[in-house]
Structures are given as structure tokens and as C-alpha cells.
Amino acid sequence: MSGFEQLFPGRLPRLVMFDLDGTLVDSVPDLAAAVDDMLLKLGRPPAGIESVREWVGNGVQMLVRRALANSLDPEGVDDVEAEHALELFNVAYEDGHALTVVYPGARETLKWLHKQGVEMALITNKPERFVAPLLDQMKIGRYFRWIIGGDTLPQKKPDPAALFFVMKMASVPASQSLFVGDSRSDVLAAKAAGVKCVALSYGYNHGRPIAEESPALVIDDLRQLIPGCLDPAAEITLPDAVPSPPGNSIVVVTRKLWMKVIKALARWRWRA
């Protein structure tokens, strides 16, 4: 039985929200290269890919602090030094996506959901400036109607604000929504938003098995969500589907919406 059949018997979710790093793409090699470049410029030894793999998942500010501390716990890192290091990291990572790859099954799953008329959103802790170029390079950006980066809203995962925001924009309740991620932050955000969460076993969770966070389902390949494992004859009824508007449907929420977002989030939190 597929993931969708287990979690949404006889139908599909109307909205599926995805994390990016560790869920759709393996970006650690490029992140590690940028971290090591930053550390070398600061006169420090490189961290290496395995350390960076344990540190990612909470945004680049936290990644940089962990790299400076050479530990998952960044306590004691100087704020001024961290700010300077972050600037160095951003410069190194700006165009450094040559080593990033899309995980097997990700494109097929996004394409299948798109054909079924399911709305999709991307919610990542990666800074907004890096998201669109990476999606374009990976050729998966066209599937997402809403794209929210780690600095798009005042809060980032594990805060559920981005999930509430997307569900409100899509006019889809939590009961008909799904979040797909790979880390503790993803599971916590989904649970706080009242949304079922599917977690990938292969992602970045600070070296801990994601099953420990008790998501609704753990899978090893995104295609495990699909009935019949991409069998083109497999179909599920999609209730009350709302068709996407014609033309370019991708909406990237930017800081220009800052005040509207803050006011809207305040209203939604009181209603929740």
C-alpha cells in the first residue's frame, strides 16, 4: 500500500508541502565546499562533508555557527565573528550548486502530483536568495505554486508559521494537507500545524534516525507515496480539487509582503 493510500484512504491530499535540502535534493556537498572555503579564509581547518551533513537543517546562520564551533552545539561562538563568517559563506555558496543533485524519485513524484492536480509548495530554511536559482538549476521549480525560504517570514521551521501561511493561501485545511521532510524541524513544524508528516529516511537529521521523531510515515524513496509505484494506470479520486490558475503559477513570497504576512499570521494564530 502506498503512502498516500495509508494516510489519505480513497483520495489524495489537496496540498503537499515539501522541504528542500535532504528531501528533494542532496545539497551537502556544495554546502560543505562553501563551509570549508569559509573556514580556510578564516585560517581554520576545513570541516569536511560528514561533519557538515550532521550540522545542516536549521538554516545557514546555524550552520555557520556550528562550523565555527566545530560542534552541533554552537554555544560560545562570537556574534561578530559569526556575522563575518556568514558573509564569507554566502559569497562561496552563491553560485556553488554544481555538486547538488536531485534525489532519485523526486522528479517523478513531483510530476505525478502535478498531473493529479495537487497543489504543491516548497518550505525550506535555506535563505530565499539561494532557493530560486537552485530550483531553476535542478529544473523542479515549476512544480511549486508557493516557495518560502528561511528568511521569507519572521519565523522558520520548526515554527509552523510557513505551513499556516501556505494553507491559508491555498484555502486548504490541515486535514487535507501533507508535509514531506527529513528532519526533526520538519516533523515538529508539521505537528504544530496539525498536518500529517512523511519523513525521508535518507535526509539530514543530525545523525539521528528520523523515526525517533514519530512522523506519520517514514519512507526511503518519494515514489513510495505513489499508488502502484508510478503505474500510470493508478488513480485516486481527488475531492474538491481547486484547479491552478493558467500561466506561471509560482508565487515566491518576499519581504515586500512583510507587513501583510505579519498581520495575516497574527489573525490565523488567533483562529487556530
C-alpha atoms as a PDB file:
ATOM      1  CA  MET A   1       0.000   0.000   0.000  1.00  0.00           C
ATOM      2  CA  SER A   2       1.365   3.392  -0.973  1.00  0.00           C
ATOM      3  CA  GLY A   3       1.951   6.274   1.400  1.00  0.00           C
ATOM      4  CA  PHE A   4      -0.988   8.258   0.062  1.00  0.00           C
ATOM      5  CA  GLU A   5      -3.302   5.250   0.388  1.00  0.00           C
ATOM      6  CA  GLN A   6      -2.251   4.801   4.026  1.00  0.00           C
ATOM      7  CA  LEU A   7      -2.571   8.436   5.042  1.00  0.00           C
ATOM      8  CA  PHE A   8      -5.456   9.573   2.823  1.00  0.00           C
ATOM      9  CA  PRO A   9      -7.603   6.488   2.086  1.00  0.00           C
ATOM     10  CA  GLY A  10      -9.559   6.767  -1.156  1.00  0.00           C
ATOM     11  CA  ARG A  11      -8.299  10.231  -2.033  1.00  0.00           C
ATOM     12  CA  LEU A  12      -5.246  12.443  -2.292  1.00  0.00           C
ATOM     13  CA  PRO A  13      -4.199  15.398  -0.159  1.00  0.00           C
ATOM     14  CA  ARG A  14      -5.166  18.654  -1.848  1.00  0.00           C
ATOM     15  CA  LEU A  15      -1.903  20.305  -0.796  1.00  0.00           C
ATOM     16  CA  VAL A  16       1.552  18.764  -0.401  1.00  0.00           C
ATOM     17  CA  MET A  17       4.305  20.913   1.111  1.00  0.00           C
ATOM     18  CA  PHE A  18       7.929  19.839   0.696  1.00  0.00           C
ATOM     19  CA  ASP A  19      11.194  20.596   2.440  1.00  0.00           C
ATOM     20  CA  LEU A  20      14.137  21.038   0.057  1.00  0.00           C
ATOM     21  CA  ASP A  21      17.580  20.034   1.369  1.00  0.00           C
ATOM     22  CA  GLY A  22      17.699  16.394   2.386  1.00  0.00           C
ATOM     23  CA  THR A  23      14.220  15.794   0.969  1.00  0.00           C
ATOM     24  CA  LEU A  24      14.253  16.715  -2.724  1.00  0.00           C
ATOM     25  CA  VAL A  25      17.945  17.462  -3.233  1.00  0.00           C
ATOM     26  CA  ASP A  26      21.242  16.394  -1.718  1.00  0.00           C
ATOM     27  CA  SER A  27      22.967  19.748  -1.287  1.00  0.00           C
ATOM     28  CA  VAL A  28      25.508  18.773   1.382  1.00  0.00           C
ATOM     29  CA  PRO A  29      28.489  18.513  -0.997  1.00  0.00           C
ATOM     30  CA  ASP A  30      28.042  22.146  -2.080  1.00  0.00           C
ATOM     31  CA  LEU A  31      27.273  23.329   1.444  1.00  0.00           C
ATOM     32  CA  ALA A  32      30.387  21.573   2.713  1.00  0.00           C
ATOM     33  CA  ALA A  33      32.512  23.150  -0.018  1.00  0.00           C
ATOM     34  CA  ALA A  34      31.233  26.612   0.975  1.00  0.00           C
ATOM     35  CA  VAL A  35      31.776  25.919   4.679  1.00  0.00           C
ATOM     36  CA  ASP A  36      35.326  24.727   4.071  1.00  0.00           C
ATOM     37  CA  ASP A  37      36.068  27.739   1.868  1.00  0.00           C
ATOM     38  CA  MET A  38      34.792  29.993   4.659  1.00  0.00           C
ATOM     39  CA  LEU A  39      36.864  28.212   7.319  1.00  0.00           C
ATOM     40  CA  LEU A  40      40.045  28.305   5.250  1.00  0.00           C
ATOM     41  CA  LYS A  41      39.627  32.050   4.712  1.00  0.00           C
ATOM     42  CA  LEU A  42      39.353  32.407   8.484  1.00  0.00           C
ATOM     43  CA  GLY A  43      42.566  30.428   8.966  1.00  0.00           C
ATOM     44  CA  ARG A  44      40.770  27.365  10.308  1.00  0.00           C
ATOM     45  CA  PRO A  45      40.945  23.731   9.200  1.00  0.00           C
ATOM     46  CA  PRO A  46      38.155  22.511   6.898  1.00  0.00           C
ATOM     47  CA  ALA A  47      35.231  20.687   8.460  1.00  0.00           C
ATOM     48  CA  GLY A  48      34.620  18.060   5.802  1.00  0.00           C
ATOM     49  CA  ILE A  49      31.442  16.721   4.302  1.00  0.00           C
ATOM     50  CA  GLU A  50      30.491  14.292   7.078  1.00  0.00           C
ATOM     51  CA  SER A  51      30.546  16.983   9.762  1.00  0.00           C
ATOM     52  CA  VAL A  52      28.524  19.358   7.604  1.00  0.00           C
ATOM     53  CA  ARG A  53      25.986  16.602   6.959  1.00  0.00           C
ATOM     54  CA  GLU A  54      25.310  16.488  10.706  1.00  0.00           C
ATOM     55  CA  TRP A  55      25.133  20.272  11.071  1.00  0.00           C
ATOM     56  CA  VAL A  56      22.664  21.225   8.326  1.00  0.00           C
ATOM     57  CA  GLY A  57      18.915  21.621   8.743  1.00  0.00           C
ATOM     58  CA  ASN A  58      18.390  24.769  10.791  1.00  0.00           C
ATOM     59  CA  GLY A  59      19.378  27.488   8.325  1.00  0.00           C
ATOM     60  CA  VAL A  60      22.729  28.844   7.196  1.00  0.00           C
ATOM     61  CA  GLN A  61      23.219  31.062  10.252  1.00  0.00           C
ATOM     62  CA  MET A  62      23.149  27.987  12.481  1.00  0.00           C
ATOM     63  CA  LEU A  63      25.303  26.025  10.031  1.00  0.00           C
ATOM     64  CA  VAL A  64      27.960  28.734  10.112  1.00  0.00           C
ATOM     65  CA  ARG A  65      27.901  28.877  13.918  1.00  0.00           C
ATOM     66  CA  ARG A  66      28.227  25.111  14.172  1.00  0.00           C
ATOM     67  CA  ALA A  67      31.146  25.203  11.767  1.00  0.00           C
ATOM     68  CA  LEU A  68      32.872  27.856  13.864  1.00  0.00           C
ATOM     69  CA  ALA A  69      32.275  25.796  16.998  1.00  0.00           C
ATOM     70  CA  ASN A  70      33.143  22.553  15.167  1.00  0.00           C
ATOM     71  CA  SER A  71      30.181  21.105  17.016  1.00  0.00           C
ATOM     72  CA  LEU A  72      26.429  20.587  16.765  1.00  0.00           C
ATOM     73  CA  ASP A  73      26.211  22.878  19.797  1.00  0.00           C
ATOM     74  CA  PRO A  74      27.319  26.388  18.738  1.00  0.00           C
ATOM     75  CA  GLU A  75      27.276  27.871  22.235  1.00  0.00           C
ATOM     76  CA  GLY A  76      30.013  30.399  22.849  1.00  0.00           C
ATOM     77  CA  VAL A  77      30.517  31.478  19.243  1.00  0.00           C
ATOM     78  CA  ASP A  78      31.195  35.216  18.997  1.00  0.00           C
ATOM     79  CA  ASP A  79      28.388  37.109  17.242  1.00  0.00           C
ATOM     80  CA  VAL A  80      30.708  39.444  15.337  1.00  0.00           C
ATOM     81  CA  GLU A  81      32.842  36.560  14.122  1.00  0.00           C
ATOM     82  CA  ALA A  82      29.710  34.653  13.109  1.00  0.00           C
ATOM     83  CA  GLU A  83      28.433  37.614  11.099  1.00  0.00           C
ATOM     84  CA  HIS A  84      31.724  37.912   9.221  1.00  0.00           C
ATOM     85  CA  ALA A  85      31.845  34.159   8.635  1.00  0.00           C
ATOM     86  CA  LEU A  86      28.287  34.214   7.292  1.00  0.00           C
ATOM     87  CA  GLU A  87      29.279  36.818   4.695  1.00  0.00           C
ATOM     88  CA  LEU A  88      32.160  34.615   3.558  1.00  0.00           C
ATOM     89  CA  PHE A  89      29.883  31.583   3.381  1.00  0.00           C
ATOM     90  CA  ASN A  90      27.242  33.402   1.341  1.00  0.00           C
ATOM     91  CA  VAL A  91      29.821  34.515  -1.222  1.00  0.00           C
ATOM     92  CA  ALA A  92      31.192  30.981  -1.530  1.00  0.00           C
ATOM     93  CA  TYR A  93      27.747  29.351  -1.806  1.00  0.00           C
ATOM     94  CA  GLU A  94      26.114  31.941  -4.100  1.00  0.00           C
ATOM     95  CA  ASP A  95      26.938  30.103  -7.321  1.00  0.00           C
ATOM     96  CA  GLY A  96      28.094  26.827  -5.827  1.00  0.00           C
ATOM     97  CA  HIS A  97      25.434  24.303  -6.861  1.00  0.00           C
ATOM     98  CA  ALA A  98      27.461  22.126  -9.236  1.00  0.00           C
ATOM     99  CA  LEU A  99      27.606  19.215  -6.765  1.00  0.00           C
ATOM    100  CA  THR A 100      23.927  19.301  -5.733  1.00  0.00           C
ATOM    101  CA  VAL A 101      21.735  16.530  -7.153  1.00  0.00           C
ATOM    102  CA  VAL A 102      18.030  15.696  -7.114  1.00  0.00           C
ATOM    103  CA  TYR A 103      17.291  12.532  -5.168  1.00  0.00           C
ATOM    104  CA  PRO A 104      16.045   9.514  -7.132  1.00  0.00           C
ATOM    105  CA  GLY A 105      12.267   9.556  -7.365  1.00  0.00           C
ATOM    106  CA  ALA A 106      11.850  13.242  -6.562  1.00  0.00           C
ATOM    107  CA  ARG A 107      11.162  14.457 -10.099  1.00  0.00           C
ATOM    108  CA  GLU A 108       8.848  11.538 -10.824  1.00  0.00           C
ATOM    109  CA  THR A 109       6.837  12.203  -7.659  1.00  0.00           C
ATOM    110  CA  LEU A 110       6.507  15.936  -8.337  1.00  0.00           C
ATOM    111  CA  LYS A 111       5.456  15.252 -11.914  1.00  0.00           C
ATOM    112  CA  TRP A 112       2.863  12.687 -10.807  1.00  0.00           C
ATOM    113  CA  LEU A 113       1.359  15.020  -8.219  1.00  0.00           C
ATOM    114  CA  HIS A 114       1.228  17.817 -10.784  1.00  0.00           C
ATOM    115  CA  LYS A 115      -0.669  15.578 -13.194  1.00  0.00           C
ATOM    116  CA  GLN A 116      -3.168  14.735 -10.449  1.00  0.00           C
ATOM    117  CA  GLY A 117      -3.874  18.438  -9.884  1.00  0.00           C
ATOM    118  CA  VAL A 118      -2.418  18.509  -6.370  1.00  0.00           C
ATOM    119  CA  GLU A 119      -1.171  21.932  -5.247  1.00  0.00           C
ATOM    120  CA  MET A 120       2.463  21.954  -4.105  1.00  0.00           C
ATOM    121  CA  ALA A 121       4.590  24.300  -2.036  1.00  0.00           C
ATOM    122  CA  LEU A 122       8.232  24.416  -1.001  1.00  0.00           C
ATOM    123  CA  ILE A 123       9.068  25.388   2.578  1.00  0.00           C
ATOM    124  CA  THR A 124      12.776  25.470   3.351  1.00  0.00           C
ATOM    125  CA  ASN A 125      15.093  27.028   5.918  1.00  0.00           C
ATOM    126  CA  LYS A 126      17.529  27.870   3.113  1.00  0.00           C
ATOM    127  CA  PRO A 127      17.743  31.668   2.611  1.00  0.00           C
ATOM    128  CA  GLU A 128      15.423  32.962  -0.074  1.00  0.00           C
ATOM    129  CA  ARG A 129      18.274  34.273  -2.252  1.00  0.00           C
ATOM    130  CA  PHE A 130      19.582  30.753  -2.841  1.00  0.00           C
ATOM    131  CA  VAL A 131      16.278  28.948  -3.426  1.00  0.00           C
ATOM    132  CA  ALA A 132      15.044  30.067  -6.861  1.00  0.00           C
ATOM    133  CA  PRO A 133      18.452  29.705  -8.608  1.00  0.00           C
ATOM    134  CA  LEU A 134      18.862  26.207  -7.173  1.00  0.00           C
ATOM    135  CA  LEU A 135      15.348  25.163  -8.210  1.00  0.00           C
ATOM    136  CA  ASP A 136      15.949  26.502 -11.706  1.00  0.00           C
ATOM    137  CA  GLN A 137      19.213  24.614 -11.990  1.00  0.00           C
ATOM    138  CA  MET A 138      17.578  21.400 -10.749  1.00  0.00           C
ATOM    139  CA  LYS A 139      14.610  22.026 -13.098  1.00  0.00           C
ATOM    140  CA  ILE A 140      11.964  21.415 -10.435  1.00  0.00           C
ATOM    141  CA  GLY A 141      10.844  24.961  -9.595  1.00  0.00           C
ATOM    142  CA  ARG A 142       7.866  24.902 -11.952  1.00  0.00           C
ATOM    143  CA  TYR A 143       6.027  22.404  -9.779  1.00  0.00           C
ATOM    144  CA  PHE A 144       5.655  24.746  -6.802  1.00  0.00           C
ATOM    145  CA  ARG A 145       2.980  27.394  -6.568  1.00  0.00           C
ATOM    146  CA  TRP A 146       4.391  28.767  -3.315  1.00  0.00           C
ATOM    147  CA  ILE A 147       8.069  28.958  -2.375  1.00  0.00           C
ATOM    148  CA  ILE A 148       9.052  30.108   1.108  1.00  0.00           C
ATOM    149  CA  GLY A 149      12.657  30.462   2.233  1.00  0.00           C
ATOM    150  CA  GLY A 150      14.105  30.571   5.700  1.00  0.00           C
ATOM    151  CA  ASP A 151      14.107  34.374   5.792  1.00  0.00           C
ATOM    152  CA  THR A 152      10.826  34.956   3.919  1.00  0.00           C
ATOM    153  CA  LEU A 153       8.797  35.106   7.139  1.00  0.00           C
ATOM    154  CA  PRO A 154       9.902  36.249  10.580  1.00  0.00           C
ATOM    155  CA  GLN A 155       9.878  32.594  11.705  1.00  0.00           C
ATOM    156  CA  LYS A 156      11.347  29.450  10.197  1.00  0.00           C
ATOM    157  CA  LYS A 157      10.885  25.754  10.906  1.00  0.00           C
ATOM    158  CA  PRO A 158      10.311  24.235  13.433  1.00  0.00           C
ATOM    159  CA  ASP A 159       7.894  27.139  13.838  1.00  0.00           C
ATOM    160  CA  PRO A 160       4.726  26.234  11.881  1.00  0.00           C
ATOM    161  CA  ALA A 161       4.161  29.789  10.565  1.00  0.00           C
ATOM    162  CA  ALA A 162       5.124  28.945   6.970  1.00  0.00           C
ATOM    163  CA  LEU A 163       2.794  25.941   6.898  1.00  0.00           C
ATOM    164  CA  PHE A 164      -0.098  28.030   8.219  1.00  0.00           C
ATOM    165  CA  PHE A 165       0.697  30.698   5.652  1.00  0.00           C
ATOM    166  CA  VAL A 166       0.664  28.303   2.698  1.00  0.00           C
ATOM    167  CA  MET A 167      -2.502  26.523   3.836  1.00  0.00           C
ATOM    168  CA  LYS A 168      -4.242  29.886   4.142  1.00  0.00           C
ATOM    169  CA  MET A 169      -3.061  30.960   0.691  1.00  0.00           C
ATOM    170  CA  ALA A 170      -4.193  27.647  -0.805  1.00  0.00           C
ATOM    171  CA  SER A 171      -7.502  27.630   1.107  1.00  0.00           C
ATOM    172  CA  VAL A 172      -6.786  24.041   2.146  1.00  0.00           C
ATOM    173  CA  PRO A 173      -7.309  22.827   5.742  1.00  0.00           C
ATOM    174  CA  ALA A 174      -4.689  20.899   7.682  1.00  0.00           C
ATOM    175  CA  SER A 175      -6.759  17.721   7.371  1.00  0.00           C
ATOM    176  CA  GLN A 176      -6.277  17.763   3.585  1.00  0.00           C
ATOM    177  CA  SER A 177      -2.615  18.816   3.657  1.00  0.00           C
ATOM    178  CA  LEU A 178       0.644  16.900   3.919  1.00  0.00           C
ATOM    179  CA  PHE A 179       4.204  17.930   4.743  1.00  0.00           C
ATOM    180  CA  VAL A 180       7.166  15.951   3.430  1.00  0.00           C
ATOM    181  CA  GLY A 181      10.552  16.481   5.065  1.00  0.00           C
ATOM    182  CA  ASP A 182      13.599  14.787   6.501  1.00  0.00           C
ATOM    183  CA  SER A 183      14.452  16.384   9.831  1.00  0.00           C
ATOM    184  CA  ARG A 184      13.233  16.962  13.362  1.00  0.00           C
ATOM    185  CA  SER A 185      12.428  20.575  12.451  1.00  0.00           C
ATOM    186  CA  ASP A 186      10.146  19.384   9.654  1.00  0.00           C
ATOM    187  CA  VAL A 187       8.275  16.922  11.865  1.00  0.00           C
ATOM    188  CA  LEU A 188       7.864  19.451  14.675  1.00  0.00           C
ATOM    189  CA  ALA A 189       6.573  22.121  12.280  1.00  0.00           C
ATOM    190  CA  ALA A 190       4.052  19.730  10.759  1.00  0.00           C
ATOM    191  CA  LYS A 191       2.803  18.522  14.131  1.00  0.00           C
ATOM    192  CA  ALA A 192       2.441  22.094  15.389  1.00  0.00           C
ATOM    193  CA  ALA A 193       0.387  22.927  12.292  1.00  0.00           C
ATOM    194  CA  GLY A 194      -1.819  19.850  12.700  1.00  0.00           C
ATOM    195  CA  VAL A 195      -0.556  18.412   9.413  1.00  0.00           C
ATOM    196  CA  LYS A 196       0.448  14.806   8.739  1.00  0.00           C
ATOM    197  CA  CYS A 197       4.157  14.458   8.072  1.00  0.00           C
ATOM    198  CA  VAL A 198       6.003  11.980   5.869  1.00  0.00           C
ATOM    199  CA  ALA A 199       9.730  11.773   6.599  1.00  0.00           C
ATOM    200  CA  LEU A 200      12.542  10.548   4.354  1.00  0.00           C
ATOM    201  CA  SER A 201      14.996   8.126   5.923  1.00  0.00           C
ATOM    202  CA  TYR A 202      17.919   9.338   3.788  1.00  0.00           C
ATOM    203  CA  GLY A 203      17.922  13.015   4.759  1.00  0.00           C
ATOM    204  CA  TYR A 204      19.708  15.225   7.261  1.00  0.00           C
ATOM    205  CA  ASN A 205      18.654  14.783  10.884  1.00  0.00           C
ATOM    206  CA  HIS A 206      21.868  15.488  12.781  1.00  0.00           C
ATOM    207  CA  GLY A 207      22.881  11.835  12.620  1.00  0.00           C
ATOM    208  CA  ARG A 208      19.700  10.562  14.311  1.00  0.00           C
ATOM    209  CA  PRO A 209      17.092   8.217  12.758  1.00  0.00           C
ATOM    210  CA  ILE A 210      14.106  10.317  11.739  1.00  0.00           C
ATOM    211  CA  ALA A 211      11.748   7.606  13.041  1.00  0.00           C
ATOM    212  CA  GLU A 212      12.630   8.811  16.554  1.00  0.00           C
ATOM    213  CA  GLU A 213      10.572  11.952  15.864  1.00  0.00           C
ATOM    214  CA  SER A 214       7.427   9.854  15.214  1.00  0.00           C
ATOM    215  CA  PRO A 215       6.264  11.243  11.864  1.00  0.00           C
ATOM    216  CA  ALA A 216       3.093   9.757  10.407  1.00  0.00           C
ATOM    217  CA  LEU A 217       5.172   7.711   7.963  1.00  0.00           C
ATOM    218  CA  VAL A 218       8.850   7.083   7.167  1.00  0.00           C
ATOM    219  CA  ILE A 219       9.805   6.186   3.590  1.00  0.00           C
ATOM    220  CA  ASP A 220      13.069   5.504   1.764  1.00  0.00           C
ATOM    221  CA  ASP A 221      12.035   6.874  -1.646  1.00  0.00           C
ATOM    222  CA  LEU A 222       9.483   9.541  -2.557  1.00  0.00           C
ATOM    223  CA  ARG A 223       7.947   7.170  -5.085  1.00  0.00           C
ATOM    224  CA  GLN A 224       6.656   5.116  -2.158  1.00  0.00           C
ATOM    225  CA  LEU A 225       3.966   7.777  -1.789  1.00  0.00           C
ATOM    226  CA  ILE A 226       2.526   6.933  -5.203  1.00  0.00           C
ATOM    227  CA  PRO A 227      -0.026   4.161  -5.748  1.00  0.00           C
ATOM    228  CA  GLY A 228       1.380   1.403  -7.947  1.00  0.00           C
ATOM    229  CA  CYS A 229       4.908   2.879  -7.794  1.00  0.00           C
ATOM    230  CA  LEU A 230       4.409   5.230 -10.742  1.00  0.00           C
ATOM    231  CA  ASP A 231       1.968   2.902 -12.515  1.00  0.00           C
ATOM    232  CA  PRO A 232       0.335   5.314 -14.998  1.00  0.00           C
ATOM    233  CA  ALA A 233      -2.967   3.435 -14.643  1.00  0.00           C
ATOM    234  CA  ALA A 234      -3.124   4.053 -10.896  1.00  0.00           C
ATOM    235  CA  GLU A 235      -5.568   6.777  -9.941  1.00  0.00           C
ATOM    236  CA  ILE A 236      -7.015   8.174  -6.740  1.00  0.00           C
ATOM    237  CA  THR A 237     -10.055  10.411  -6.575  1.00  0.00           C
ATOM    238  CA  LEU A 238      -9.118  13.958  -5.633  1.00  0.00           C
ATOM    239  CA  PRO A 239     -12.072  15.548  -3.791  1.00  0.00           C
ATOM    240  CA  ASP A 240     -12.923  19.207  -4.215  1.00  0.00           C
ATOM    241  CA  ALA A 241      -9.795  19.896  -6.232  1.00  0.00           C
ATOM    242  CA  VAL A 242      -9.179  23.537  -6.988  1.00  0.00           C
ATOM    243  CA  PRO A 243      -7.557  23.990 -10.423  1.00  0.00           C
ATOM    244  CA  SER A 244      -4.397  26.037 -10.659  1.00  0.00           C
ATOM    245  CA  PRO A 245      -4.664  29.370 -12.452  1.00  0.00           C
ATOM    246  CA  PRO A 246      -3.304  29.443 -16.012  1.00  0.00           C
ATOM    247  CA  GLY A 247       0.161  30.715 -16.802  1.00  0.00           C
ATOM    248  CA  ASN A 248       3.026  30.959 -14.404  1.00  0.00           C
ATOM    249  CA  SER A 249       1.627  29.863 -11.071  1.00  0.00           C
ATOM    250  CA  ILE A 250       4.752  30.008  -8.922  1.00  0.00           C
ATOM    251  CA  VAL A 251       4.483  32.560  -6.135  1.00  0.00           C
ATOM    252  CA  VAL A 252       7.636  33.417  -4.220  1.00  0.00           C
ATOM    253  CA  VAL A 253       6.761  35.223  -1.013  1.00  0.00           C
ATOM    254  CA  THR A 254       9.241  38.050  -0.494  1.00  0.00           C
ATOM    255  CA  ARG A 255       9.885  40.689   2.124  1.00  0.00           C
ATOM    256  CA  LYS A 256       7.703  43.092   0.158  1.00  0.00           C
ATOM    257  CA  LEU A 257       4.788  41.238   1.756  1.00  0.00           C
ATOM    258  CA  TRP A 258       6.327  41.588   5.218  1.00  0.00           C
ATOM    259  CA  MET A 259       3.622  43.617   6.925  1.00  0.00           C
ATOM    260  CA  LYS A 260       0.789  41.742   5.238  1.00  0.00           C
ATOM    261  CA  VAL A 261       2.296  38.461   6.331  1.00  0.00           C
ATOM    262  CA  ILE A 262       2.760  39.550   9.943  1.00  0.00           C
ATOM    263  CA  LYS A 263      -0.830  40.787  10.175  1.00  0.00           C
ATOM    264  CA  ALA A 264      -2.184  37.700   8.456  1.00  0.00           C
ATOM    265  CA  LEU A 265      -0.206  35.333  10.650  1.00  0.00           C
ATOM    266  CA  ALA A 266      -1.445  37.100  13.737  1.00  0.00           C
ATOM    267  CA  ARG A 267      -5.059  36.601  12.610  1.00  0.00           C
ATOM    268  CA  TRP A 268      -4.501  32.946  11.751  1.00  0.00           C
ATOM    269  CA  ARG A 269      -2.796  32.190  15.054  1.00  0.00           C
ATOM    270  CA  TRP A 270      -5.773  33.597  16.977  1.00  0.00           C
ATOM    271  CA  ARG A 271      -8.115  31.461  14.912  1.00  0.00           C
ATOM    272  CA  ALA A 272      -6.059  28.315  15.306  1.00  0.00           C
END
